[in-house]
Amino acid sequence: VATITSGGIINYADSVKGRFTISRDIAKNTVYLEMNSLKPGDTAVYYC
């Protein structure tokens, strides 16, 4: 779906570009995925 490196390089699947936003808090070792304009085709189990 989306990945982000420690250097901030981001990669999105074409199907979610413009709708999903990935971000990362390195200090908290946490990654977030903001998902907007969700579609039925986004239904899935999401794995970190």
All heavy atoms as atom14 arrays in JSON, in Angstrom:
{
  "sequence": "VATITSGGIINYADSVKGRFTISRDIAKNTVYLEMNSLKPGDTAVYYC",
  "atom14_mask": [
    [1, 1, 1, 1, 1, 1, 1, 0, 0, 0, 0, 0, 0, 0],
    [1, 1, 1, 1, 1, 0, 0, 0, 0, 0, 0, 0, 0, 0],
    [1, 1, 1, 1, 1, 1, 1, 0, 0, 0, 0, 0, 0, 0],
    [1, 1, 1, 1, 1, 1, 1, 1, 0, 0, 0, 0, 0, 0],
    [1, 1, 1, 1, 1, 1, 1, 0, 0, 0, 0, 0, 0, 0],
    [1, 1, 1, 1, 1, 1, 0, 0, 0, 0, 0, 0, 0, 0],
    [1, 1, 1, 1, 0, 0, 0, 0, 0, 0, 0, 0, 0, 0],
    [1, 1, 1, 1, 0, 0, 0, 0, 0, 0, 0, 0, 0, 0],
    [1, 1, 1, 1, 1, 1, 1, 1, 0, 0, 0, 0, 0, 0],
    [1, 1, 1, 1, 1, 1, 1, 1, 0, 0, 0, 0, 0, 0],
    [1, 1, 1, 1, 1, 1, 1, 1, 0, 0, 0, 0, 0, 0],
    [1, 1, 1, 1, 1, 1, 1, 1, 1, 1, 1, 1, 0, 0],
    [1, 1, 1, 1, 1, 0, 0, 0, 0, 0, 0, 0, 0, 0],
    [1, 1, 1, 1, 1, 1, 1, 1, 0, 0, 0, 0, 0, 0],
    [1, 1, 1, 1, 1, 1, 0, 0, 0, 0, 0, 0, 0, 0],
    [1, 1, 1, 1, 1, 1, 1, 0, 0, 0, 0, 0, 0, 0],
    [1, 1, 1, 1, 1, 1, 1, 1, 1, 0, 0, 0, 0, 0],
    [1, 1, 1, 1, 0, 0, 0, 0, 0, 0, 0, 0, 0, 0],
    [1, 1, 1, 1, 1, 1, 1, 1, 1, 1, 1, 0, 0, 0],
    [1, 1, 1, 1, 1, 1, 1, 1, 1, 1, 1, 0, 0, 0],
    [1, 1, 1, 1, 1, 1, 1, 0, 0, 0, 0, 0, 0, 0],
    [1, 1, 1, 1, 1, 1, 1, 1, 0, 0, 0, 0, 0, 0],
    [1, 1, 1, 1, 1, 1, 0, 0, 0, 0, 0, 0, 0, 0],
    [1, 1, 1, 1, 1, 1, 1, 1, 1, 1, 1, 0, 0, 0],
    [1, 1, 1, 1, 1, 1, 1, 1, 0, 0, 0, 0, 0, 0],
    [1, 1, 1, 1, 1, 1, 1, 1, 0, 0, 0, 0, 0, 0],
    [1, 1, 1, 1, 1, 0, 0, 0, 0, 0, 0, 0, 0, 0],
    [1, 1, 1, 1, 1, 1, 1, 1, 1, 0, 0, 0, 0, 0],
    [1, 1, 1, 1, 1, 1, 1, 1, 0, 0, 0, 0, 0, 0],
    [1, 1, 1, 1, 1, 1, 1, 0, 0, 0, 0, 0, 0, 0],
    [1, 1, 1, 1, 1, 1, 1, 0, 0, 0, 0, 0, 0, 0],
    [1, 1, 1, 1, 1, 1, 1, 1, 1, 1, 1, 1, 0, 0],
    [1, 1, 1, 1, 1, 1, 1, 1, 0, 0, 0, 0, 0, 0],
    [1, 1, 1, 1, 1, 1, 1, 1, 1, 0, 0, 0, 0, 0],
    [1, 1, 1, 1, 1, 1, 1, 1, 0, 0, 0, 0, 0, 0],
    [1, 1, 1, 1, 1, 1, 1, 1, 0, 0, 0, 0, 0, 0],
    [1, 1, 1, 1, 1, 1, 0, 0, 0, 0, 0, 0, 0, 0],
    [1, 1, 1, 1, 1, 1, 1, 1, 0, 0, 0, 0, 0, 0],
    [1, 1, 1, 1, 1, 1, 1, 1, 1, 0, 0, 0, 0, 0],
    [1, 1, 1, 1, 1, 1, 1, 0, 0, 0, 0, 0, 0, 0],
    [1, 1, 1, 1, 0, 0, 0, 0, 0, 0, 0, 0, 0, 0],
    [1, 1, 1, 1, 1, 1, 1, 1, 0, 0, 0, 0, 0, 0],
    [1, 1, 1, 1, 1, 1, 1, 0, 0, 0, 0, 0, 0, 0],
    [1, 1, 1, 1, 1, 0, 0, 0, 0, 0, 0, 0, 0, 0],
    [1, 1, 1, 1, 1, 1, 1, 0, 0, 0, 0, 0, 0, 0],
    [1, 1, 1, 1, 1, 1, 1, 1, 1, 1, 1, 1, 0, 0],
    [1, 1, 1, 1, 1, 1, 1, 1, 1, 1, 1, 1, 0, 0],
    [1, 1, 1, 1, 1, 1, 0, 0, 0, 0, 0, 0, 0, 0]
  ],
  "atom14_positions": [
    [[0.85, -1.19, 0.0], [0.0, 0.0, 0.0], [0.88, 1.24, 0.0], [0.76, 2.1, -0.87], [-0.93, 0.01, 1.22], [-1.75, 1.3, 1.26], [-1.84, -1.21, 1.22], [0.0, 0.0, 0.0], [0.0, 0.0, 0.0], [0.0, 0.0, 0.0], [0.0, 0.0, 0.0], [0.0, 0.0, 0.0], [0.0, 0.0, 0.0], [0.0, 0.0, 0.0]],
    [[1.76, 1.33, 0.98], [2.64, 2.49, 1.09], [3.8, 2.17, 2.01], [3.63, 1.4, 2.97], [1.89, 3.71, 1.61], [0.0, 0.0, 0.0], [0.0, 0.0, 0.0], [0.0, 0.0, 0.0], [0.0, 0.0, 0.0], [0.0, 0.0, 0.0], [0.0, 0.0, 0.0], [0.0, 0.0, 0.0], [0.0, 0.0, 0.0], [0.0, 0.0, 0.0]],
    [[4.96, 2.73, 1.7], [6.12, 2.57, 2.57], [6.83, 3.91, 2.72], [6.71, 4.79, 1.85], [7.12, 1.55, 2.01], [7.57, 1.98, 0.72], [6.51, 0.16, 1.9], [0.0, 0.0, 0.0], [0.0, 0.0, 0.0], [0.0, 0.0, 0.0], [0.0, 0.0, 0.0], [0.0, 0.0, 0.0], [0.0, 0.0, 0.0], [0.0, 0.0, 0.0]],
    [[7.56, 4.04, 3.8], [8.34, 5.24, 4.04], [9.66, 4.83, 4.68], [9.69, 4.03, 5.62], [7.58, 6.25, 4.93], [8.39, 7.53, 5.14], [7.15, 5.62, 6.25], [7.58, 8.67, 5.77], [0.0, 0.0, 0.0], [0.0, 0.0, 0.0], [0.0, 0.0, 0.0], [0.0, 0.0, 0.0], [0.0, 0.0, 0.0], [0.0, 0.0, 0.0]],
    [[10.75, 5.34, 4.16], [12.07, 4.99, 4.68], [12.46, 5.93, 5.83], [11.8, 6.95, 6.07], [13.13, 5.07, 3.59], [13.33, 6.45, 3.25], [12.72, 4.29, 2.36], [0.0, 0.0, 0.0], [0.0, 0.0, 0.0], [0.0, 0.0, 0.0], [0.0, 0.0, 0.0], [0.0, 0.0, 0.0], [0.0, 0.0, 0.0], [0.0, 0.0, 0.0]],
    [[13.52, 5.58, 6.5], [14.01, 6.43, 7.58], [14.46, 7.79, 7.04], [14.5, 8.77, 7.77], [15.16, 5.75, 8.32], [16.21, 5.43, 7.42], [0.0, 0.0, 0.0], [0.0, 0.0, 0.0], [0.0, 0.0, 0.0], [0.0, 0.0, 0.0], [0.0, 0.0, 0.0], [0.0, 0.0, 0.0], [0.0, 0.0, 0.0], [0.0, 0.0, 0.0]],
    [[14.79, 7.84, 5.75], [15.17, 9.1, 5.13], [14.0, 9.88, 4.56], [14.18, 10.95, 3.99], [0.0, 0.0, 0.0], [0.0, 0.0, 0.0], [0.0, 0.0, 0.0], [0.0, 0.0, 0.0], [0.0, 0.0, 0.0], [0.0, 0.0, 0.0], [0.0, 0.0, 0.0], [0.0, 0.0, 0.0], [0.0, 0.0, 0.0], [0.0, 0.0, 0.0]],
    [[12.8, 9.33, 4.72], [11.61, 10.05, 4.28], [11.17, 9.76, 2.85], [10.27, 10.43, 2.33], [0.0, 0.0, 0.0], [0.0, 0.0, 0.0], [0.0, 0.0, 0.0], [0.0, 0.0, 0.0], [0.0, 0.0, 0.0], [0.0, 0.0, 0.0], [0.0, 0.0, 0.0], [0.0, 0.0, 0.0], [0.0, 0.0, 0.0], [0.0, 0.0, 0.0]],
    [[11.78, 8.79, 2.21], [11.36, 8.44, 0.85], [10.07, 7.62, 0.93], [10.0, 6.64, 1.65], [12.46, 7.64, 0.12], [13.71, 8.51, -0.03], [11.96, 7.19, -1.25], [14.9, 7.77, -0.56], [0.0, 0.0, 0.0], [0.0, 0.0, 0.0], [0.0, 0.0, 0.0], [0.0, 0.0, 0.0], [0.0, 0.0, 0.0], [0.0, 0.0, 0.0]],
    [[9.08, 8.04, 0.17], [7.75, 7.44, 0.23], [7.4, 6.79, -1.09], [7.71, 7.32, -2.17], [6.69, 8.51, 0.59], [6.91, 8.99, 2.03], [5.28, 7.97, 0.41], [6.01, 10.14, 2.44], [0.0, 0.0, 0.0], [0.0, 0.0, 0.0], [0.0, 0.0, 0.0], [0.0, 0.0, 0.0], [0.0, 0.0, 0.0], [0.0, 0.0, 0.0]],
    [[6.74, 5.66, -0.99], [6.26, 4.94, -2.16], [4.81, 4.53, -1.92], [4.48, 4.0, -0.86], [7.12, 3.69, -2.39], [6.73, 2.96, -3.66], [6.37, 3.57, -4.65], [6.78, 1.64, -3.61], [0.0, 0.0, 0.0], [0.0, 0.0, 0.0], [0.0, 0.0, 0.0], [0.0, 0.0, 0.0], [0.0, 0.0, 0.0], [0.0, 0.0, 0.0]],
    [[3.95, 4.81, -2.9], [2.54, 4.44, -2.81], [2.17, 3.51, -3.95], [2.68, 3.63, -5.07], [1.63, 5.67, -2.94], [1.67, 6.63, -1.77], [2.31, 7.86, -1.9], [1.05, 6.32, -0.57], [2.34, 8.76, -0.84], [1.06, 7.22, 0.49], [1.71, 8.43, 0.34], [1.73, 9.32, 1.39], [0.0, 0.0, 0.0], [0.0, 0.0, 0.0]],
    [[1.23, 2.62, -3.68], [0.61, 1.88, -4.77], [-0.21, 2.85, -5.61], [-0.78, 3.81, -5.08], [-0.3, 0.79, -4.2], [0.0, 0.0, 0.0], [0.0, 0.0, 0.0], [0.0, 0.0, 0.0], [0.0, 0.0, 0.0], [0.0, 0.0, 0.0], [0.0, 0.0, 0.0], [0.0, 0.0, 0.0], [0.0, 0.0, 0.0], [0.0, 0.0, 0.0]],
    [[-0.26, 2.62, -6.9], [-0.99, 3.52, -7.78], [-2.45, 3.65, -7.36], [-3.06, 4.71, -7.5], [-0.92, 3.02, -9.23], [0.46, 3.22, -9.84], [1.25, 4.02, -9.3], [0.75, 2.57, -10.85], [0.0, 0.0, 0.0], [0.0, 0.0, 0.0], [0.0, 0.0, 0.0], [0.0, 0.0, 0.0], [0.0, 0.0, 0.0], [0.0, 0.0, 0.0]],
    [[-3.0, 2.58, -6.84], [-4.42, 2.55, -6.51], [-4.79, 3.45, -5.33], [-5.97, 3.76, -5.13], [-4.87, 1.12, -6.19], [-4.12, 0.6, -5.11], [0.0, 0.0, 0.0], [0.0, 0.0, 0.0], [0.0, 0.0, 0.0], [0.0, 0.0, 0.0], [0.0, 0.0, 0.0], [0.0, 0.0, 0.0], [0.0, 0.0, 0.0], [0.0, 0.0, 0.0]],
    [[-3.79, 3.88, -4.56], [-4.1, 4.71, -3.38], [-3.51, 6.12, -3.49], [-3.76, 6.94, -2.6], [-3.62, 4.03, -2.08], [-4.17, 2.62, -1.97], [-2.1, 4.04, -1.96], [0.0, 0.0, 0.0], [0.0, 0.0, 0.0], [0.0, 0.0, 0.0], [0.0, 0.0, 0.0], [0.0, 0.0, 0.0], [0.0, 0.0, 0.0], [0.0, 0.0, 0.0]],
    [[-2.75, 6.38, -4.52], [-2.15, 7.72, -4.67], [-3.22, 8.79, -4.69], [-4.24, 8.66, -5.37], [-1.32, 7.77, -5.95], [0.01, 7.06, -5.86], [0.78, 7.17, -7.18], [2.11, 6.44, -7.08], [2.85, 6.47, -8.37], [0.0, 0.0, 0.0], [0.0, 0.0, 0.0], [0.0, 0.0, 0.0], [0.0, 0.0, 0.0], [0.0, 0.0, 0.0]],
    [[-2.99, 9.85, -3.93], [-3.94, 10.94, -3.87], [-5.02, 10.75, -2.84], [-5.76, 11.69, -2.53], [0.0, 0.0, 0.0], [0.0, 0.0, 0.0], [0.0, 0.0, 0.0], [0.0, 0.0, 0.0], [0.0, 0.0, 0.0], [0.0, 0.0, 0.0], [0.0, 0.0, 0.0], [0.0, 0.0, 0.0], [0.0, 0.0, 0.0], [0.0, 0.0, 0.0]],
    [[-5.14, 9.55, -2.29], [-6.17, 9.27, -1.28], [-5.57, 8.89, 0.08], [-6.14, 9.24, 1.11], [-7.08, 8.12, -1.75], [-7.8, 8.4, -3.05], [-8.82, 7.31, -3.37], [-8.21, 5.99, -3.53], [-8.52, 4.93, -2.8], [-9.42, 5.02, -1.84], [-7.92, 3.76, -3.02], [0.0, 0.0, 0.0], [0.0, 0.0, 0.0], [0.0, 0.0, 0.0]],
    [[-4.45, 8.2, 0.06], [-3.8, 7.74, 1.29], [-2.53, 8.55, 1.53], [-1.84, 8.94, 0.58], [-3.43, 6.27, 1.2], [-4.58, 5.31, 1.19], [-5.9, 5.73, 1.03], [-4.35, 3.95, 1.32], [-6.95, 4.84, 1.02], [-5.39, 3.04, 1.32], [-6.69, 3.48, 1.16], [0.0, 0.0, 0.0], [0.0, 0.0, 0.0], [0.0, 0.0, 0.0]],
    [[-2.22, 8.77, 2.8], [-1.0, 9.46, 3.18], [-0.3, 8.68, 4.29], [-0.91, 8.39, 5.33], [-1.29, 10.88, 3.67], [-1.97, 11.62, 2.64], [0.0, 11.61, 4.03], [0.0, 0.0, 0.0], [0.0, 0.0, 0.0], [0.0, 0.0, 0.0], [0.0, 0.0, 0.0], [0.0, 0.0, 0.0], [0.0, 0.0, 0.0], [0.0, 0.0, 0.0]],
    [[0.96, 8.35, 4.04], [1.75, 7.66, 5.06], [2.66, 8.66, 5.74], [3.17, 9.59, 5.11], [2.56, 6.49, 4.43], [3.18, 5.63, 5.53], [3.62, 7.0, 3.47], [3.8, 4.32, 5.0], [0.0, 0.0, 0.0], [0.0, 0.0, 0.0], [0.0, 0.0, 0.0], [0.0, 0.0, 0.0], [0.0, 0.0, 0.0], [0.0, 0.0, 0.0]],
    [[2.84, 8.47, 7.03], [3.76, 9.32, 7.78], [4.41, 8.48, 8.87], [3.95, 7.38, 9.18], [3.04, 10.53, 8.37], [2.01, 10.13, 9.26], [0.0, 0.0, 0.0], [0.0, 0.0, 0.0], [0.0, 0.0, 0.0], [0.0, 0.0, 0.0], [0.0, 0.0, 0.0], [0.0, 0.0, 0.0], [0.0, 0.0, 0.0], [0.0, 0.0, 0.0]],
    [[5.47, 9.05, 9.44], [6.24, 8.25, 10.39], [6.78, 9.15, 11.48], [7.24, 10.26, 11.21], [7.37, 7.56, 9.64], [8.27, 6.66, 10.46], [9.27, 5.98, 9.54], [10.23, 5.21, 10.3], [11.22, 4.5, 9.77], [11.37, 4.46, 8.47], [12.05, 3.81, 10.53], [0.0, 0.0, 0.0], [0.0, 0.0, 0.0], [0.0, 0.0, 0.0]],
    [[6.73, 8.67, 12.72], [7.36, 9.32, 13.84], [8.51, 8.42, 14.28], [8.3, 7.43, 14.97], [6.34, 9.53, 14.98], [6.9, 10.36, 16.11], [8.13, 10.33, 16.34], [6.13, 11.04, 16.78], [0.0, 0.0, 0.0], [0.0, 0.0, 0.0], [0.0, 0.0, 0.0], [0.0, 0.0, 0.0], [0.0, 0.0, 0.0], [0.0, 0.0, 0.0]],
    [[9.71, 8.77, 13.85], [10.85, 7.9, 14.13], [11.11, 7.8, 15.62], [11.45, 6.74, 16.13], [12.1, 8.39, 13.36], [11.9, 8.18, 11.86], [13.35, 7.68, 13.85], [13.05, 8.66, 11.0], [0.0, 0.0, 0.0], [0.0, 0.0, 0.0], [0.0, 0.0, 0.0], [0.0, 0.0, 0.0], [0.0, 0.0, 0.0], [0.0, 0.0, 0.0]],
    [[10.97, 8.9, 16.34], [11.23, 8.9, 17.78], [10.3, 7.95, 18.52], [10.68, 7.34, 19.52], [11.08, 10.32, 18.33], [0.0, 0.0, 0.0], [0.0, 0.0, 0.0], [0.0, 0.0, 0.0], [0.0, 0.0, 0.0], [0.0, 0.0, 0.0], [0.0, 0.0, 0.0], [0.0, 0.0, 0.0], [0.0, 0.0, 0.0], [0.0, 0.0, 0.0]],
    [[9.08, 7.8, 18.01], [8.1, 6.9, 18.63], [8.06, 5.54, 17.96], [7.28, 4.69, 18.35], [6.71, 7.53, 18.58], [6.56, 8.8, 19.41], [5.13, 9.32, 19.34], [4.97, 10.57, 20.18], [3.58, 11.1, 20.11], [0.0, 0.0, 0.0], [0.0, 0.0, 0.0], [0.0, 0.0, 0.0], [0.0, 0.0, 0.0], [0.0, 0.0, 0.0]],
    [[8.88, 5.36, 16.94], [8.87, 4.1, 16.18], [7.45, 3.75, 15.73], [7.0, 2.61, 15.85], [9.44, 2.96, 17.02], [10.75, 2.43, 16.48], [11.13, 2.74, 15.35], [11.43, 1.64, 17.26], [0.0, 0.0, 0.0], [0.0, 0.0, 0.0], [0.0, 0.0, 0.0], [0.0, 0.0, 0.0], [0.0, 0.0, 0.0], [0.0, 0.0, 0.0]],
    [[6.78, 4.74, 15.2], [5.38, 4.59, 14.81], [5.18, 5.04, 13.37], [5.77, 6.04, 12.95], [4.48, 5.4, 15.75], [4.66, 4.94, 17.09], [3.01, 5.23, 15.38], [0.0, 0.0, 0.0], [0.0, 0.0, 0.0], [0.0, 0.0, 0.0], [0.0, 0.0, 0.0], [0.0, 0.0, 0.0], [0.0, 0.0, 0.0], [0.0, 0.0, 0.0]],
    [[4.35, 4.31, 12.66], [3.99, 4.69, 11.3], [2.47, 4.8, 11.23], [1.75, 4.06, 11.89], [4.52, 3.67, 10.27], [3.9, 2.3, 10.46], [4.33, 4.17, 8.85], [0.0, 0.0, 0.0], [0.0, 0.0, 0.0], [0.0, 0.0, 0.0], [0.0, 0.0, 0.0], [0.0, 0.0, 0.0], [0.0, 0.0, 0.0], [0.0, 0.0, 0.0]],
    [[2.01, 5.77, 10.45], [0.59, 6.05, 10.32], [0.17, 5.95, 8.86], [0.96, 6.18, 7.95], [0.26, 7.45, 10.82], [0.75, 7.74, 12.22], [1.97, 8.37, 12.42], [0.0, 7.38, 13.32], [2.44, 8.63, 13.69], [0.45, 7.64, 14.61], [1.67, 8.27, 14.78], [2.12, 8.52, 16.06], [0.0, 0.0, 0.0], [0.0, 0.0, 0.0]],
    [[-1.1, 5.62, 8.66], [-1.67, 5.62, 7.32], [-3.01, 6.31, 7.39], [-3.97, 5.79, 7.97], [-1.83, 4.2, 6.77], [-2.29, 4.13, 5.31], [-1.19, 4.65, 4.38], [-2.67, 2.7, 4.93], [0.0, 0.0, 0.0], [0.0, 0.0, 0.0], [0.0, 0.0, 0.0], [0.0, 0.0, 0.0], [0.0, 0.0, 0.0], [0.0, 0.0, 0.0]],
    [[-3.07, 7.51, 6.82], [-4.31, 8.26, 6.74], [-4.99, 7.88, 5.44], [-4.42, 8.05, 4.36], [-4.02, 9.76, 6.76], [-5.25, 10.65, 6.82], [-5.89, 10.66, 8.2], [-5.15, 10.58, 9.19], [-7.13, 10.73, 8.26], [0.0, 0.0, 0.0], [0.0, 0.0, 0.0], [0.0, 0.0, 0.0], [0.0, 0.0, 0.0], [0.0, 0.0, 0.0]],
    [[-6.2, 7.34, 5.54], [-6.91, 6.85, 4.36], [-8.18, 7.68, 4.17], [-9.06, 7.68, 5.03], [-7.27, 5.37, 4.54], [-6.07, 4.48, 4.82], [-6.47, 2.72, 4.89], [-7.49, 2.68, 6.36], [0.0, 0.0, 0.0], [0.0, 0.0, 0.0], [0.0, 0.0, 0.0], [0.0, 0.0, 0.0], [0.0, 0.0, 0.0], [0.0, 0.0, 0.0]],
    [[-8.25, 8.37, 3.05], [-9.41, 9.19, 2.71], [-10.07, 8.67, 1.44], [-9.48, 7.92, 0.68], [-8.97, 10.65, 2.53], [-8.38, 11.24, 3.78], [-8.93, 11.1, 4.87], [-7.25, 11.92, 3.65], [0.0, 0.0, 0.0], [0.0, 0.0, 0.0], [0.0, 0.0, 0.0], [0.0, 0.0, 0.0], [0.0, 0.0, 0.0], [0.0, 0.0, 0.0]],
    [[-11.3, 9.13, 1.21], [-12.04, 8.73, 0.02], [-12.01, 7.22, -0.16], [-11.76, 6.71, -1.26], [-11.47, 9.42, -1.22], [-11.51, 10.82, -1.08], [0.0, 0.0, 0.0], [0.0, 0.0, 0.0], [0.0, 0.0, 0.0], [0.0, 0.0, 0.0], [0.0, 0.0, 0.0], [0.0, 0.0, 0.0], [0.0, 0.0, 0.0], [0.0, 0.0, 0.0]],
    [[-12.29, 6.52, 0.89], [-12.21, 5.06, 0.86], [-13.25, 4.47, -0.07], [-14.37, 5.0, -0.22], [-12.37, 4.49, 2.27], [-11.11, 4.59, 3.13], [-11.44, 4.45, 4.61], [-10.09, 3.56, 2.71], [0.0, 0.0, 0.0], [0.0, 0.0, 0.0], [0.0, 0.0, 0.0], [0.0, 0.0, 0.0], [0.0, 0.0, 0.0], [0.0, 0.0, 0.0]],
    [[-12.85, 3.38, -0.72], [-13.7, 2.69, -1.68], [-13.92, 1.25, -1.21], [-13.08, 0.71, -0.49], [-13.04, 2.67, -3.05], [-12.63, 4.02, -3.59], [-11.85, 3.87, -4.89], [-11.41, 5.21, -5.44], [-10.62, 5.07, -6.69], [0.0, 0.0, 0.0], [0.0, 0.0, 0.0], [0.0, 0.0, 0.0], [0.0, 0.0, 0.0], [0.0, 0.0, 0.0]],
    [[-14.99, 0.63, -1.66], [-15.17, -0.8, -1.3], [-13.98, -1.66, -1.68], [-13.67, -2.64, -1.0], [-16.44, -1.17, -2.07], [-17.22, 0.1, -2.16], [-16.18, 1.17, -2.34], [0.0, 0.0, 0.0], [0.0, 0.0, 0.0], [0.0, 0.0, 0.0], [0.0, 0.0, 0.0], [0.0, 0.0, 0.0], [0.0, 0.0, 0.0], [0.0, 0.0, 0.0]],
    [[-13.3, -1.29, -2.75], [-12.12, -2.04, -3.19], [-10.95, -1.93, -2.24], [-9.97, -2.68, -2.39], [0.0, 0.0, 0.0], [0.0, 0.0, 0.0], [0.0, 0.0, 0.0], [0.0, 0.0, 0.0], [0.0, 0.0, 0.0], [0.0, 0.0, 0.0], [0.0, 0.0, 0.0], [0.0, 0.0, 0.0], [0.0, 0.0, 0.0], [0.0, 0.0, 0.0]],
    [[-11.03, -1.03, -1.26], [-9.97, -0.92, -0.24], [-10.17, -1.9, 0.9], [-9.33, -2.01, 1.78], [-9.94, 0.5, 0.32], [-9.55, 1.54, -0.71], [-8.61, 1.29, -1.48], [-10.19, 2.62, -0.74], [0.0, 0.0, 0.0], [0.0, 0.0, 0.0], [0.0, 0.0, 0.0], [0.0, 0.0, 0.0], [0.0, 0.0, 0.0], [0.0, 0.0, 0.0]],
    [[-11.29, -2.61, 0.88], [-11.57, -3.59, 1.93], [-10.5, -4.68, 1.93], [-10.24, -5.31, 0.9], [-12.95, -4.21, 1.73], [-13.95, -3.19, 1.89], [-13.2, -5.33, 2.74], [0.0, 0.0, 0.0], [0.0, 0.0, 0.0], [0.0, 0.0, 0.0], [0.0, 0.0, 0.0], [0.0, 0.0, 0.0], [0.0, 0.0, 0.0], [0.0, 0.0, 0.0]],
    [[-9.87, -4.88, 3.09], [-8.79, -5.85, 3.21], [-8.32, -5.89, 4.65], [-8.71, -5.04, 5.47], [-7.63, -5.47, 2.3], [0.0, 0.0, 0.0], [0.0, 0.0, 0.0], [0.0, 0.0, 0.0], [0.0, 0.0, 0.0], [0.0, 0.0, 0.0], [0.0, 0.0, 0.0], [0.0, 0.0, 0.0], [0.0, 0.0, 0.0], [0.0, 0.0, 0.0]],
    [[-7.46, -6.85, 4.92], [-6.7, -6.83, 6.17], [-5.42, -6.05, 5.89], [-4.7, -6.37, 4.94], [-6.38, -8.24, 6.68], [-5.53, -8.16, 7.95], [-7.67, -9.02, 6.94], [0.0, 0.0, 0.0], [0.0, 0.0, 0.0], [0.0, 0.0, 0.0], [0.0, 0.0, 0.0], [0.0, 0.0, 0.0], [0.0, 0.0, 0.0], [0.0, 0.0, 0.0]],
    [[-5.17, -5.05, 6.7], [-4.0, -4.2, 6.51], [-2.92, -4.62, 7.52], [-3.18, -4.71, 8.73], [-4.37, -2.73, 6.71], [-5.1, -2.17, 5.53], [-6.4, -2.59, 5.21], [-4.5, -1.22, 4.69], [-7.06, -2.09, 4.1], [-5.16, -0.72, 3.58], [-6.43, -1.16, 3.3], [-7.1, -0.67, 2.19], [0.0, 0.0, 0.0], [0.0, 0.0, 0.0]],
    [[-1.72, -4.86, 6.98], [-0.61, -5.33, 7.79], [0.49, -4.27, 7.86], [0.9, -3.72, 6.83], [-0.01, -6.6, 7.21], [-0.93, -7.79, 7.22], [-1.76, -8.07, 6.13], [-0.98, -8.64, 8.31], [-2.61, -9.16, 6.13], [-1.83, -9.74, 8.33], [-2.64, -9.98, 7.24], [-3.48, -11.07, 7.24], [0.0, 0.0, 0.0], [0.0, 0.0, 0.0]],
    [[0.95, -4.03, 9.06], [2.12, -3.17, 9.25], [3.38, -3.98, 8.95], [3.45, -5.18, 9.24], [2.14, -2.67, 10.68], [3.53, -1.59, 11.07], [0.0, 0.0, 0.0], [0.0, 0.0, 0.0], [0.0, 0.0, 0.0], [0.0, 0.0, 0.0], [0.0, 0.0, 0.0], [0.0, 0.0, 0.0], [0.0, 0.0, 0.0], [0.0, 0.0, 0.0]]
  ]
}
